[in-house]
Amino acid sequence: MRRRVSRPVSTVPGVGMGSGMGIVAAVLALVVSLAGCATPAPGNGQLPAADDPVAWAGRLCASLQPLGALKGQLPAMDPNDPSTGRATLSTYFTSAEQAADQALTGLAGAGSSPIAGGDDAVAALSGALHRLRDAYHEAKTKIDAIDPKDPVGLGTQLPGIFSSLAAASNDAALNTLGTNAGLNDAVKKAASCSLMSRSAGAGG
């Protein structure tokens, strides 16, 4: 078994930093499609008027902050320490599941859309985020079930785990908000949103 430890887990096709960051990048693309989130909703705790399209769009931006915070957090896999790699992945999947939950809570609290088609767009996005959250939960369940002393088992399971996450992150419904012209226009005017295309690309 010790001889097998030398087999790099990260070289298994579809596994490692690159594929995992692809999942996070897909979520970030969603945030950027909304012109990004810079700050949370107004700090006085008061929700703006429900009929204010700009304020409503700003609350959507703020709700996606937890998902944007995932960028750069995927742990690297050390082929010589599969037990630690398994544990760090489990922690990451837990954080990702919680981030999706927080985003869903934020979307639900944004209120009814004053923008035509906005409620339908948010409903579709929420469905996609539920599927993404469930995929992270399933990934954690599978990674936790792997024997930490079995690097071969870890290397065998990871491709399927990341494949399922990639499928959830490529859900077409994640782009629903970006296809609503009225919402995009409101986002550009929202004080709680800022254009983050450059910063997202430079963050790596």
N, C-alpha and C. Protein backbone atom coordinates (compact mmCIF):
# COMPACT_ATOMS: atom_id res chain seq x y z
N MET A 1 0.83 -1.21 0.00
CA MET A 1 0.00 0.00 0.00
C MET A 1 0.86 1.26 0.00
N ARG A 2 1.98 1.26 0.69
CA ARG A 2 2.81 2.44 0.74
C ARG A 2 3.38 2.76 -0.64
N ARG A 3 3.62 1.69 -1.42
CA ARG A 3 4.14 1.91 -2.74
C ARG A 3 3.10 2.63 -3.60
N ARG A 4 1.82 2.36 -3.35
CA ARG A 4 0.75 2.99 -4.12
C ARG A 4 0.56 4.46 -3.76
N VAL A 5 0.99 4.85 -2.55
CA VAL A 5 0.82 6.23 -2.12
C VAL A 5 1.51 7.19 -3.08
N SER A 6 2.56 6.71 -3.73
CA SER A 6 3.31 7.58 -4.61
C SER A 6 2.54 7.97 -5.87
N ARG A 7 1.45 7.27 -6.12
CA ARG A 7 0.62 7.61 -7.27
C ARG A 7 -0.09 8.93 -7.01
N PRO A 8 0.21 10.00 -7.76
CA PRO A 8 -0.38 11.32 -7.46
C PRO A 8 -1.88 11.32 -7.67
N VAL A 9 -2.58 11.60 -6.61
CA VAL A 9 -4.04 11.66 -6.71
C VAL A 9 -4.45 12.74 -7.68
N SER A 10 -3.72 13.86 -7.70
CA SER A 10 -4.11 14.99 -8.51
C SER A 10 -3.93 14.75 -10.00
N THR A 11 -3.27 13.64 -10.40
CA THR A 11 -3.08 13.40 -11.81
C THR A 11 -4.19 12.55 -12.41
N VAL A 12 -5.14 12.10 -11.59
CA VAL A 12 -6.27 11.35 -12.10
C VAL A 12 -7.07 12.27 -13.01
N PRO A 13 -7.45 11.86 -14.23
CA PRO A 13 -8.17 12.73 -15.15
C PRO A 13 -9.40 13.36 -14.50
N GLY A 14 -9.50 14.68 -14.66
CA GLY A 14 -10.67 15.38 -14.15
C GLY A 14 -10.57 15.73 -12.68
N VAL A 15 -9.43 15.46 -12.04
CA VAL A 15 -9.31 15.70 -10.61
C VAL A 15 -8.20 16.70 -10.36
N GLY A 16 -8.36 17.47 -9.30
CA GLY A 16 -7.30 18.35 -8.87
C GLY A 16 -7.73 19.80 -8.87
N MET A 17 -6.75 20.70 -8.72
CA MET A 17 -7.03 22.11 -8.56
C MET A 17 -7.77 22.67 -9.76
N GLY A 18 -7.37 22.26 -10.95
CA GLY A 18 -7.96 22.82 -12.15
C GLY A 18 -9.44 22.54 -12.26
N SER A 19 -9.86 21.29 -12.13
CA SER A 19 -11.27 20.96 -12.30
C SER A 19 -12.11 21.53 -11.18
N GLY A 20 -11.59 21.54 -9.97
CA GLY A 20 -12.34 22.09 -8.85
C GLY A 20 -12.54 23.58 -9.00
N MET A 21 -11.49 24.29 -9.44
CA MET A 21 -11.63 25.72 -9.63
C MET A 21 -12.57 26.03 -10.78
N GLY A 22 -12.71 25.09 -11.72
CA GLY A 22 -13.67 25.30 -12.80
C GLY A 22 -15.07 25.41 -12.25
N ILE A 23 -15.36 24.63 -11.22
CA ILE A 23 -16.67 24.68 -10.58
C ILE A 23 -16.89 26.03 -9.93
N VAL A 24 -15.88 26.50 -9.19
CA VAL A 24 -16.00 27.80 -8.54
C VAL A 24 -16.07 28.91 -9.59
N ALA A 25 -15.32 28.77 -10.68
CA ALA A 25 -15.33 29.78 -11.74
C ALA A 25 -16.71 29.91 -12.35
N ALA A 26 -17.42 28.79 -12.45
CA ALA A 26 -18.77 28.83 -13.02
C ALA A 26 -19.70 29.63 -12.12
N VAL A 27 -19.54 29.46 -10.81
CA VAL A 27 -20.36 30.22 -9.87
C VAL A 27 -19.99 31.70 -9.94
N LEU A 28 -18.68 31.97 -10.07
CA LEU A 28 -18.23 33.36 -10.17
C LEU A 28 -18.77 34.01 -11.43
N ALA A 29 -18.89 33.24 -12.50
CA ALA A 29 -19.43 33.78 -13.73
C ALA A 29 -20.86 34.27 -13.52
N LEU A 30 -21.58 33.54 -12.65
CA LEU A 30 -22.94 33.96 -12.30
C LEU A 30 -22.90 35.31 -11.60
N VAL A 31 -21.97 35.47 -10.66
CA VAL A 31 -21.86 36.72 -9.92
C VAL A 31 -21.49 37.86 -10.88
N VAL A 32 -20.53 37.59 -11.76
CA VAL A 32 -20.10 38.62 -12.70
C VAL A 32 -21.23 38.98 -13.66
N SER A 33 -22.07 38.00 -14.00
CA SER A 33 -23.19 38.28 -14.91
C SER A 33 -24.17 39.26 -14.29
N LEU A 34 -24.13 39.35 -12.96
CA LEU A 34 -24.96 40.33 -12.26
C LEU A 34 -24.19 41.61 -11.98
N ALA A 35 -23.04 41.73 -12.62
CA ALA A 35 -22.15 42.88 -12.44
C ALA A 35 -21.43 42.83 -11.11
N GLY A 36 -21.46 41.70 -10.45
CA GLY A 36 -20.67 41.49 -9.24
C GLY A 36 -21.30 42.10 -8.01
N CYS A 37 -20.80 41.64 -6.85
CA CYS A 37 -21.30 42.16 -5.57
C CYS A 37 -20.14 42.77 -4.82
N ALA A 38 -20.29 44.01 -4.41
CA ALA A 38 -19.20 44.67 -3.72
C ALA A 38 -19.47 44.81 -2.24
N THR A 39 -20.71 45.17 -1.91
CA THR A 39 -21.06 45.37 -0.51
C THR A 39 -22.43 44.78 -0.27
N PRO A 40 -22.76 44.48 0.99
CA PRO A 40 -24.10 43.99 1.26
C PRO A 40 -25.13 45.10 1.10
N ALA A 41 -26.40 44.73 1.27
CA ALA A 41 -27.49 45.70 1.16
C ALA A 41 -27.31 46.79 2.20
N PRO A 42 -28.04 47.89 2.09
CA PRO A 42 -27.88 49.03 2.99
C PRO A 42 -27.71 48.64 4.45
N GLY A 43 -26.72 49.27 5.10
CA GLY A 43 -26.31 48.84 6.43
C GLY A 43 -27.27 49.17 7.55
N ASN A 44 -28.32 49.93 7.28
CA ASN A 44 -29.23 50.27 8.37
C ASN A 44 -30.23 49.16 8.66
N GLY A 45 -30.13 48.05 7.91
CA GLY A 45 -31.01 46.92 8.17
C GLY A 45 -32.40 47.08 7.59
N GLN A 46 -32.67 48.23 6.97
CA GLN A 46 -33.99 48.48 6.39
C GLN A 46 -34.01 48.03 4.94
N LEU A 47 -35.01 47.27 4.55
CA LEU A 47 -35.16 46.88 3.16
C LEU A 47 -35.72 48.06 2.37
N PRO A 48 -35.12 48.37 1.20
CA PRO A 48 -35.65 49.46 0.37
C PRO A 48 -37.06 49.11 -0.10
N ALA A 49 -37.74 50.10 -0.67
CA ALA A 49 -39.10 49.88 -1.15
C ALA A 49 -39.12 48.72 -2.15
N ALA A 50 -40.14 47.88 -2.04
CA ALA A 50 -40.22 46.69 -2.86
C ALA A 50 -40.36 47.02 -4.34
N ASP A 51 -40.82 48.24 -4.65
CA ASP A 51 -41.03 48.60 -6.05
C ASP A 51 -39.82 49.29 -6.65
N ASP A 52 -38.68 49.28 -5.97
CA ASP A 52 -37.45 49.90 -6.45
C ASP A 52 -36.60 48.85 -7.15
N PRO A 53 -36.55 48.83 -8.48
CA PRO A 53 -35.80 47.81 -9.22
C PRO A 53 -34.32 47.79 -8.88
N VAL A 54 -33.73 48.97 -8.70
CA VAL A 54 -32.29 49.05 -8.43
C VAL A 54 -31.96 48.46 -7.07
N ALA A 55 -32.77 48.82 -6.06
CA ALA A 55 -32.53 48.28 -4.72
C ALA A 55 -32.74 46.77 -4.70
N TRP A 56 -33.74 46.29 -5.41
CA TRP A 56 -34.01 44.85 -5.46
C TRP A 56 -32.85 44.11 -6.11
N ALA A 57 -32.34 44.66 -7.20
CA ALA A 57 -31.19 44.04 -7.87
C ALA A 57 -29.98 44.02 -6.94
N GLY A 58 -29.83 45.08 -6.16
CA GLY A 58 -28.72 45.13 -5.21
C GLY A 58 -28.80 44.03 -4.18
N ARG A 59 -30.01 43.70 -3.74
CA ARG A 59 -30.17 42.62 -2.77
C ARG A 59 -29.82 41.27 -3.39
N LEU A 60 -30.11 41.12 -4.69
CA LEU A 60 -29.71 39.88 -5.36
C LEU A 60 -28.19 39.76 -5.38
N CYS A 61 -27.52 40.87 -5.67
CA CYS A 61 -26.06 40.87 -5.68
C CYS A 61 -25.52 40.45 -4.32
N ALA A 62 -26.06 41.06 -3.27
CA ALA A 62 -25.58 40.75 -1.93
C ALA A 62 -25.81 39.29 -1.57
N SER A 63 -26.91 38.72 -2.07
CA SER A 63 -27.21 37.33 -1.72
C SER A 63 -26.19 36.36 -2.31
N LEU A 64 -25.51 36.76 -3.39
CA LEU A 64 -24.55 35.87 -4.04
C LEU A 64 -23.14 36.01 -3.49
N GLN A 65 -22.95 36.91 -2.54
CA GLN A 65 -21.63 37.12 -1.94
C GLN A 65 -21.00 35.82 -1.41
N PRO A 66 -21.75 34.98 -0.68
CA PRO A 66 -21.12 33.77 -0.14
C PRO A 66 -20.53 32.86 -1.22
N LEU A 67 -21.18 32.80 -2.38
CA LEU A 67 -20.65 31.96 -3.46
C LEU A 67 -19.40 32.58 -4.06
N GLY A 68 -19.38 33.89 -4.20
CA GLY A 68 -18.18 34.55 -4.71
C GLY A 68 -16.99 34.35 -3.79
N ALA A 69 -17.26 34.24 -2.49
CA ALA A 69 -16.18 34.06 -1.51
C ALA A 69 -15.50 32.71 -1.62
N LEU A 70 -16.08 31.79 -2.39
CA LEU A 70 -15.46 30.47 -2.55
C LEU A 70 -14.21 30.52 -3.41
N LYS A 71 -14.07 31.58 -4.17
CA LYS A 71 -12.95 31.65 -5.11
C LYS A 71 -11.61 31.50 -4.40
N GLY A 72 -10.78 30.60 -4.91
CA GLY A 72 -9.44 30.40 -4.37
C GLY A 72 -9.38 29.55 -3.13
N GLN A 73 -10.50 29.00 -2.68
CA GLN A 73 -10.51 28.24 -1.43
C GLN A 73 -10.32 26.73 -1.63
N LEU A 74 -10.43 26.24 -2.88
CA LEU A 74 -10.31 24.80 -3.08
C LEU A 74 -8.92 24.34 -2.68
N PRO A 75 -8.81 23.39 -1.75
CA PRO A 75 -7.49 22.95 -1.28
C PRO A 75 -6.76 22.13 -2.33
N ALA A 76 -5.44 22.27 -2.34
CA ALA A 76 -4.61 21.45 -3.21
C ALA A 76 -4.48 20.05 -2.61
N MET A 77 -4.33 19.06 -3.46
CA MET A 77 -4.21 17.68 -2.99
C MET A 77 -2.75 17.27 -2.93
N ASP A 78 -2.31 16.82 -1.76
CA ASP A 78 -0.95 16.31 -1.58
C ASP A 78 -0.98 14.80 -1.80
N PRO A 79 -0.38 14.30 -2.88
CA PRO A 79 -0.43 12.86 -3.16
C PRO A 79 0.22 12.01 -2.07
N ASN A 80 1.08 12.62 -1.26
CA ASN A 80 1.75 11.88 -0.19
C ASN A 80 0.98 11.92 1.13
N ASP A 81 -0.13 12.63 1.14
CA ASP A 81 -0.92 12.74 2.37
C ASP A 81 -2.40 12.70 2.03
N PRO A 82 -2.88 11.54 1.54
CA PRO A 82 -4.28 11.44 1.12
C PRO A 82 -5.27 11.65 2.26
N SER A 83 -4.90 11.30 3.47
CA SER A 83 -5.80 11.45 4.60
C SER A 83 -6.13 12.93 4.84
N THR A 84 -5.08 13.77 4.82
CA THR A 84 -5.30 15.21 4.99
C THR A 84 -6.07 15.78 3.81
N GLY A 85 -5.76 15.31 2.61
CA GLY A 85 -6.47 15.79 1.43
C GLY A 85 -7.95 15.48 1.51
N ARG A 86 -8.27 14.30 1.98
CA ARG A 86 -9.67 13.90 2.14
C ARG A 86 -10.37 14.82 3.13
N ALA A 87 -9.70 15.12 4.24
CA ALA A 87 -10.29 15.96 5.29
C ALA A 87 -10.50 17.39 4.80
N THR A 88 -9.51 17.93 4.08
CA THR A 88 -9.64 19.31 3.62
C THR A 88 -10.72 19.44 2.54
N LEU A 89 -10.84 18.43 1.71
CA LEU A 89 -11.91 18.45 0.71
C LEU A 89 -13.28 18.39 1.40
N SER A 90 -13.38 17.58 2.43
CA SER A 90 -14.63 17.47 3.16
C SER A 90 -15.02 18.82 3.75
N THR A 91 -14.04 19.52 4.31
CA THR A 91 -14.29 20.84 4.88
C THR A 91 -14.71 21.83 3.81
N TYR A 92 -14.04 21.76 2.66
CA TYR A 92 -14.38 22.65 1.55
C TYR A 92 -15.81 22.41 1.06
N PHE A 93 -16.18 21.14 0.91
CA PHE A 93 -17.52 20.82 0.44
C PHE A 93 -18.58 21.31 1.43
N THR A 94 -18.26 21.22 2.71
CA THR A 94 -19.18 21.73 3.73
C THR A 94 -19.36 23.24 3.58
N SER A 95 -18.23 23.96 3.40
CA SER A 95 -18.29 25.41 3.24
C SER A 95 -19.08 25.79 1.99
N ALA A 96 -18.88 25.03 0.91
CA ALA A 96 -19.58 25.32 -0.34
C ALA A 96 -21.08 25.09 -0.19
N GLU A 97 -21.45 24.02 0.50
CA GLU A 97 -22.87 23.74 0.73
C GLU A 97 -23.50 24.87 1.55
N GLN A 98 -22.79 25.32 2.57
CA GLN A 98 -23.31 26.40 3.41
C GLN A 98 -23.42 27.71 2.63
N ALA A 99 -22.45 27.96 1.73
CA ALA A 99 -22.49 29.17 0.92
C ALA A 99 -23.71 29.17 0.00
N ALA A 100 -23.99 28.01 -0.59
CA ALA A 100 -25.17 27.91 -1.45
C ALA A 100 -26.44 28.12 -0.64
N ASP A 101 -26.46 27.59 0.58
CA ASP A 101 -27.62 27.78 1.46
C ASP A 101 -27.83 29.26 1.78
N GLN A 102 -26.72 29.95 2.09
CA GLN A 102 -26.81 31.37 2.40
C GLN A 102 -27.31 32.17 1.21
N ALA A 103 -26.85 31.79 0.01
CA ALA A 103 -27.30 32.47 -1.19
C ALA A 103 -28.80 32.27 -1.40
N LEU A 104 -29.25 31.05 -1.15
CA LEU A 104 -30.67 30.75 -1.29
C LEU A 104 -31.50 31.56 -0.30
N THR A 105 -31.00 31.67 0.92
CA THR A 105 -31.71 32.46 1.93
C THR A 105 -31.78 33.92 1.51
N GLY A 106 -30.67 34.43 0.95
CA GLY A 106 -30.66 35.81 0.50
C GLY A 106 -31.61 36.05 -0.66
N LEU A 107 -31.67 35.12 -1.59
CA LEU A 107 -32.59 35.26 -2.71
C LEU A 107 -34.04 35.26 -2.23
N ALA A 108 -34.32 34.37 -1.29
CA ALA A 108 -35.68 34.28 -0.76
C ALA A 108 -36.08 35.56 -0.04
N GLY A 109 -35.10 36.23 0.56
CA GLY A 109 -35.39 37.44 1.31
C GLY A 109 -35.37 38.71 0.49
N ALA A 110 -35.09 38.58 -0.80
CA ALA A 110 -35.01 39.78 -1.64
C ALA A 110 -36.37 40.39 -1.92
N GLY A 111 -37.41 39.60 -1.74
CA GLY A 111 -38.75 40.10 -1.98
C GLY A 111 -39.19 39.93 -3.42
N SER A 112 -40.43 40.32 -3.70
CA SER A 112 -40.98 40.19 -5.05
C SER A 112 -40.28 41.12 -6.02
N SER A 113 -40.13 40.67 -7.22
CA SER A 113 -39.43 41.46 -8.23
C SER A 113 -40.30 42.58 -8.79
N PRO A 114 -39.74 43.79 -8.87
CA PRO A 114 -40.44 44.89 -9.54
C PRO A 114 -40.09 44.91 -11.03
N ILE A 115 -39.27 43.95 -11.45
CA ILE A 115 -38.81 43.89 -12.84
C ILE A 115 -39.53 42.75 -13.55
N ALA A 116 -40.02 42.99 -14.74
CA ALA A 116 -40.73 41.97 -15.50
C ALA A 116 -39.85 40.74 -15.70
N GLY A 117 -40.38 39.59 -15.32
CA GLY A 117 -39.63 38.34 -15.48
C GLY A 117 -38.64 38.07 -14.37
N GLY A 118 -38.52 39.01 -13.44
CA GLY A 118 -37.53 38.86 -12.37
C GLY A 118 -37.81 37.69 -11.44
N ASP A 119 -39.07 37.52 -11.07
CA ASP A 119 -39.42 36.42 -10.17
C ASP A 119 -39.17 35.07 -10.82
N ASP A 120 -39.46 34.96 -12.10
CA ASP A 120 -39.21 33.71 -12.80
C ASP A 120 -37.71 33.43 -12.88
N ALA A 121 -36.93 34.48 -13.11
CA ALA A 121 -35.48 34.32 -13.19
C ALA A 121 -34.91 33.85 -11.86
N VAL A 122 -35.39 34.45 -10.77
CA VAL A 122 -34.90 34.08 -9.44
C VAL A 122 -35.34 32.66 -9.09
N ALA A 123 -36.54 32.28 -9.48
CA ALA A 123 -37.02 30.93 -9.20
C ALA A 123 -36.15 29.89 -9.91
N ALA A 124 -35.80 30.18 -11.17
CA ALA A 124 -34.95 29.26 -11.92
C ALA A 124 -33.56 29.19 -11.29
N LEU A 125 -33.03 30.35 -10.90
CA LEU A 125 -31.71 30.38 -10.26
C LEU A 125 -31.74 29.62 -8.94
N SER A 126 -32.80 29.81 -8.16
CA SER A 126 -32.91 29.10 -6.88
C SER A 126 -32.92 27.60 -7.08
N GLY A 127 -33.61 27.14 -8.12
CA GLY A 127 -33.62 25.71 -8.41
C GLY A 127 -32.22 25.20 -8.71
N ALA A 128 -31.47 25.98 -9.49
CA ALA A 128 -30.11 25.58 -9.83
C ALA A 128 -29.21 25.58 -8.60
N LEU A 129 -29.41 26.57 -7.73
CA LEU A 129 -28.60 26.63 -6.51
C LEU A 129 -28.95 25.51 -5.55
N HIS A 130 -30.21 25.09 -5.52
CA HIS A 130 -30.59 23.94 -4.72
C HIS A 130 -29.86 22.69 -5.22
N ARG A 131 -29.80 22.54 -6.54
CA ARG A 131 -29.11 21.38 -7.12
C ARG A 131 -27.62 21.45 -6.85
N LEU A 132 -27.05 22.65 -6.90
CA LEU A 132 -25.62 22.81 -6.62
C LEU A 132 -25.33 22.49 -5.16
N ARG A 133 -26.19 23.00 -4.27
CA ARG A 133 -26.03 22.71 -2.84
C ARG A 133 -26.11 21.21 -2.58
N ASP A 134 -27.08 20.55 -3.19
CA ASP A 134 -27.23 19.11 -3.00
C ASP A 134 -26.02 18.35 -3.55
N ALA A 135 -25.44 18.86 -4.64
CA ALA A 135 -24.27 18.20 -5.22
C ALA A 135 -23.08 18.30 -4.27
N TYR A 136 -22.92 19.46 -3.62
CA TYR A 136 -21.84 19.60 -2.64
C TYR A 136 -22.08 18.70 -1.42
N HIS A 137 -23.34 18.57 -1.02
CA HIS A 137 -23.66 17.70 0.10
C HIS A 137 -23.33 16.25 -0.25
N GLU A 138 -23.70 15.85 -1.45
CA GLU A 138 -23.42 14.49 -1.89
C GLU A 138 -21.91 14.25 -2.00
N ALA A 139 -21.19 15.28 -2.47
CA ALA A 139 -19.74 15.15 -2.58
C ALA A 139 -19.11 14.95 -1.21
N LYS A 140 -19.59 15.69 -0.22
CA LYS A 140 -19.04 15.53 1.14
C LYS A 140 -19.36 14.15 1.68
N THR A 141 -20.58 13.68 1.45
CA THR A 141 -20.96 12.35 1.92
C THR A 141 -20.07 11.28 1.32
N LYS A 142 -19.79 11.40 0.03
CA LYS A 142 -18.95 10.41 -0.64
C LYS A 142 -17.50 10.48 -0.17
N ILE A 143 -16.97 11.71 -0.02
CA ILE A 143 -15.58 11.85 0.39
C ILE A 143 -15.39 11.36 1.82
N ASP A 144 -16.40 11.57 2.67
CA ASP A 144 -16.29 11.12 4.06
C ASP A 144 -16.35 9.60 4.17
N ALA A 145 -16.96 8.96 3.18
CA ALA A 145 -17.09 7.50 3.21
C ALA A 145 -15.82 6.78 2.75
N ILE A 146 -14.87 7.51 2.20
CA ILE A 146 -13.63 6.91 1.72
C ILE A 146 -12.68 6.64 2.88
N ASP A 147 -12.07 5.48 2.87
CA ASP A 147 -11.08 5.13 3.89
C ASP A 147 -9.89 6.08 3.77
N PRO A 148 -9.60 6.88 4.81
CA PRO A 148 -8.50 7.85 4.73
C PRO A 148 -7.13 7.21 4.54
N LYS A 149 -7.04 5.90 4.79
CA LYS A 149 -5.77 5.20 4.63
C LYS A 149 -5.65 4.53 3.27
N ASP A 150 -6.64 4.78 2.41
CA ASP A 150 -6.66 4.13 1.09
C ASP A 150 -6.53 5.18 -0.01
N PRO A 151 -5.31 5.54 -0.40
CA PRO A 151 -5.12 6.55 -1.44
C PRO A 151 -5.67 6.11 -2.79
N VAL A 152 -5.65 4.81 -3.04
CA VAL A 152 -6.18 4.30 -4.31
C VAL A 152 -7.69 4.52 -4.37
N GLY A 153 -8.36 4.26 -3.25
CA GLY A 153 -9.80 4.48 -3.20
C GLY A 153 -10.13 5.94 -3.40
N LEU A 154 -9.32 6.83 -2.83
CA LEU A 154 -9.54 8.27 -2.99
C LEU A 154 -9.38 8.66 -4.45
N GLY A 155 -8.31 8.17 -5.06
CA GLY A 155 -8.07 8.50 -6.46
C GLY A 155 -9.13 7.95 -7.39
N THR A 156 -9.72 6.83 -6.99
CA THR A 156 -10.76 6.21 -7.81
C THR A 156 -12.09 6.98 -7.72
N GLN A 157 -12.38 7.50 -6.52
CA GLN A 157 -13.66 8.16 -6.29
C GLN A 157 -13.69 9.62 -6.76
N LEU A 158 -12.55 10.30 -6.70
CA LEU A 158 -12.55 11.73 -6.98
C LEU A 158 -13.05 12.11 -8.38
N PRO A 159 -12.70 11.38 -9.44
CA PRO A 159 -13.22 11.79 -10.75
C PRO A 159 -14.73 11.85 -10.81
N GLY A 160 -15.41 10.86 -10.24
CA GLY A 160 -16.86 10.86 -10.24
C GLY A 160 -17.43 11.98 -9.40
N ILE A 161 -16.79 12.28 -8.27
CA ILE A 161 -17.25 13.35 -7.39
C ILE A 161 -17.17 14.69 -8.11
N PHE A 162 -16.03 14.96 -8.73
CA PHE A 162 -15.87 16.23 -9.42
C PHE A 162 -16.73 16.31 -10.67
N SER A 163 -16.97 15.19 -11.29
CA SER A 163 -17.84 15.18 -12.47
C SER A 163 -19.25 15.60 -12.12
N SER A 164 -19.75 15.10 -10.99
CA SER A 164 -21.09 15.47 -10.54
C SER A 164 -21.16 16.95 -10.18
N LEU A 165 -20.11 17.47 -9.56
CA LEU A 165 -20.08 18.88 -9.20
C LEU A 165 -20.02 19.75 -10.46
N ALA A 166 -19.26 19.30 -11.44
CA ALA A 166 -19.16 20.07 -12.69
C ALA A 166 -20.50 20.13 -13.39
N ALA A 167 -21.24 19.03 -13.35
CA ALA A 167 -22.56 19.01 -13.99
C ALA A 167 -23.50 20.01 -13.31
N ALA A 168 -23.44 20.07 -11.98
CA ALA A 168 -24.30 21.00 -11.25
C ALA A 168 -23.88 22.44 -11.50
N SER A 169 -22.58 22.69 -11.64
CA SER A 169 -22.11 24.05 -11.84
C SER A 169 -22.36 24.54 -13.25
N ASN A 170 -22.59 23.61 -14.18
CA ASN A 170 -22.88 23.98 -15.57
C ASN A 170 -24.37 24.04 -15.85
N ASP A 171 -25.18 23.99 -14.81
CA ASP A 171 -26.62 24.08 -14.95
C ASP A 171 -26.99 25.37 -15.69
N ALA A 172 -27.70 25.23 -16.78
CA ALA A 172 -28.06 26.40 -17.60
C ALA A 172 -28.84 27.44 -16.80
N ALA A 173 -29.58 27.01 -15.79
CA ALA A 173 -30.39 27.94 -15.01
C ALA A 173 -29.54 28.92 -14.20
N LEU A 174 -28.26 28.62 -14.02
CA LEU A 174 -27.38 29.55 -13.30
C LEU A 174 -27.19 30.84 -14.08
N ASN A 175 -27.47 30.82 -15.37
CA ASN A 175 -27.31 32.01 -16.19
C ASN A 175 -28.62 32.75 -16.41
N THR A 176 -29.67 32.32 -15.72
CA THR A 176 -30.99 32.91 -15.94
C THR A 176 -31.02 34.40 -15.70
N LEU A 177 -30.38 34.87 -14.62
CA LEU A 177 -30.43 36.29 -14.29
C LEU A 177 -29.75 37.12 -15.36
N GLY A 178 -28.67 36.58 -15.91
CA GLY A 178 -27.91 37.34 -16.90
C GLY A 178 -28.65 37.53 -18.21
N THR A 179 -29.74 36.80 -18.42
CA THR A 179 -30.48 36.92 -19.67
C THR A 179 -31.62 37.92 -19.57
N ASN A 180 -31.82 38.50 -18.40
CA ASN A 180 -32.90 39.47 -18.20
C ASN A 180 -32.33 40.88 -18.36
N ALA A 181 -32.68 41.53 -19.47
CA ALA A 181 -32.12 42.84 -19.78
C ALA A 181 -32.50 43.88 -18.73
N GLY A 182 -33.74 43.82 -18.26
CA GLY A 182 -34.18 44.79 -17.26
C GLY A 182 -33.41 44.65 -15.96
N LEU A 183 -33.15 43.41 -15.57
CA LEU A 183 -32.40 43.16 -14.34
C LEU A 183 -30.95 43.62 -14.49
N ASN A 184 -30.36 43.33 -15.64
CA ASN A 184 -28.98 43.76 -15.86
C ASN A 184 -28.86 45.28 -15.80
N ASP A 185 -29.85 45.97 -16.33
CA ASP A 185 -29.84 47.43 -16.31
C ASP A 185 -29.92 47.94 -14.88
N ALA A 186 -30.76 47.30 -14.07
CA ALA A 186 -30.89 47.72 -12.67
C ALA A 186 -29.61 47.45 -11.89
N VAL A 187 -28.96 46.33 -12.20
CA VAL A 187 -27.72 45.97 -11.52
C VAL A 187 -26.65 47.03 -11.73
N LYS A 188 -26.57 47.54 -12.95
CA LYS A 188 -25.55 48.54 -13.26
C LYS A 188 -25.75 49.83 -12.47
N LYS A 189 -26.97 50.04 -11.98
CA LYS A 189 -27.28 51.26 -11.23
C LYS A 189 -27.30 51.04 -9.72
N ALA A 190 -27.21 49.79 -9.30
CA ALA A 190 -27.35 49.50 -7.86
C ALA A 190 -26.09 49.87 -7.09
N ALA A 191 -26.30 50.57 -5.98
CA ALA A 191 -25.17 51.00 -5.15
C ALA A 191 -24.46 49.82 -4.51
N SER A 192 -25.17 48.71 -4.29
CA SER A 192 -24.56 47.56 -3.63
C SER A 192 -23.92 46.60 -4.62
N CYS A 193 -23.84 47.00 -5.88
CA CYS A 193 -23.17 46.19 -6.90
C CYS A 193 -22.10 47.03 -7.58
N SER A 194 -21.08 46.39 -8.06
CA SER A 194 -20.05 47.07 -8.83
C SER A 194 -19.55 46.13 -9.89
N LEU A 195 -19.06 46.65 -10.98
CA LEU A 195 -18.54 45.81 -12.06
C LEU A 195 -17.25 45.15 -11.60
N MET A 196 -17.28 43.81 -11.54
CA MET A 196 -16.13 43.06 -11.01
C MET A 196 -15.48 42.18 -12.07
N SER A 197 -15.75 42.37 -13.32
CA SER A 197 -15.18 41.52 -14.35
C SER A 197 -13.65 41.51 -14.28
N ARG A 198 -13.06 42.68 -14.11
CA ARG A 198 -11.60 42.74 -14.06
C ARG A 198 -11.06 42.08 -12.81
N SER A 199 -11.64 42.42 -11.66
CA SER A 199 -11.12 41.89 -10.40
C SER A 199 -11.31 40.39 -10.31
N ALA A 200 -12.42 39.88 -10.84
CA ALA A 200 -12.65 38.44 -10.82
C ALA A 200 -11.64 37.73 -11.69
N GLY A 201 -11.31 38.35 -12.82
CA GLY A 201 -10.34 37.71 -13.71
C GLY A 201 -8.95 37.78 -13.14
N ALA A 202 -8.62 38.85 -12.41
CA ALA A 202 -7.28 39.00 -11.87
C ALA A 202 -7.08 38.21 -10.60
N GLY A 203 -8.17 37.79 -9.96
CA GLY A 203 -8.04 37.10 -8.67
C GLY A 203 -7.47 35.73 -8.78
N GLY A 204 -7.58 35.09 -9.96
CA GLY A 204 -7.01 33.76 -10.17
C GLY A 204 -7.77 32.69 -9.48
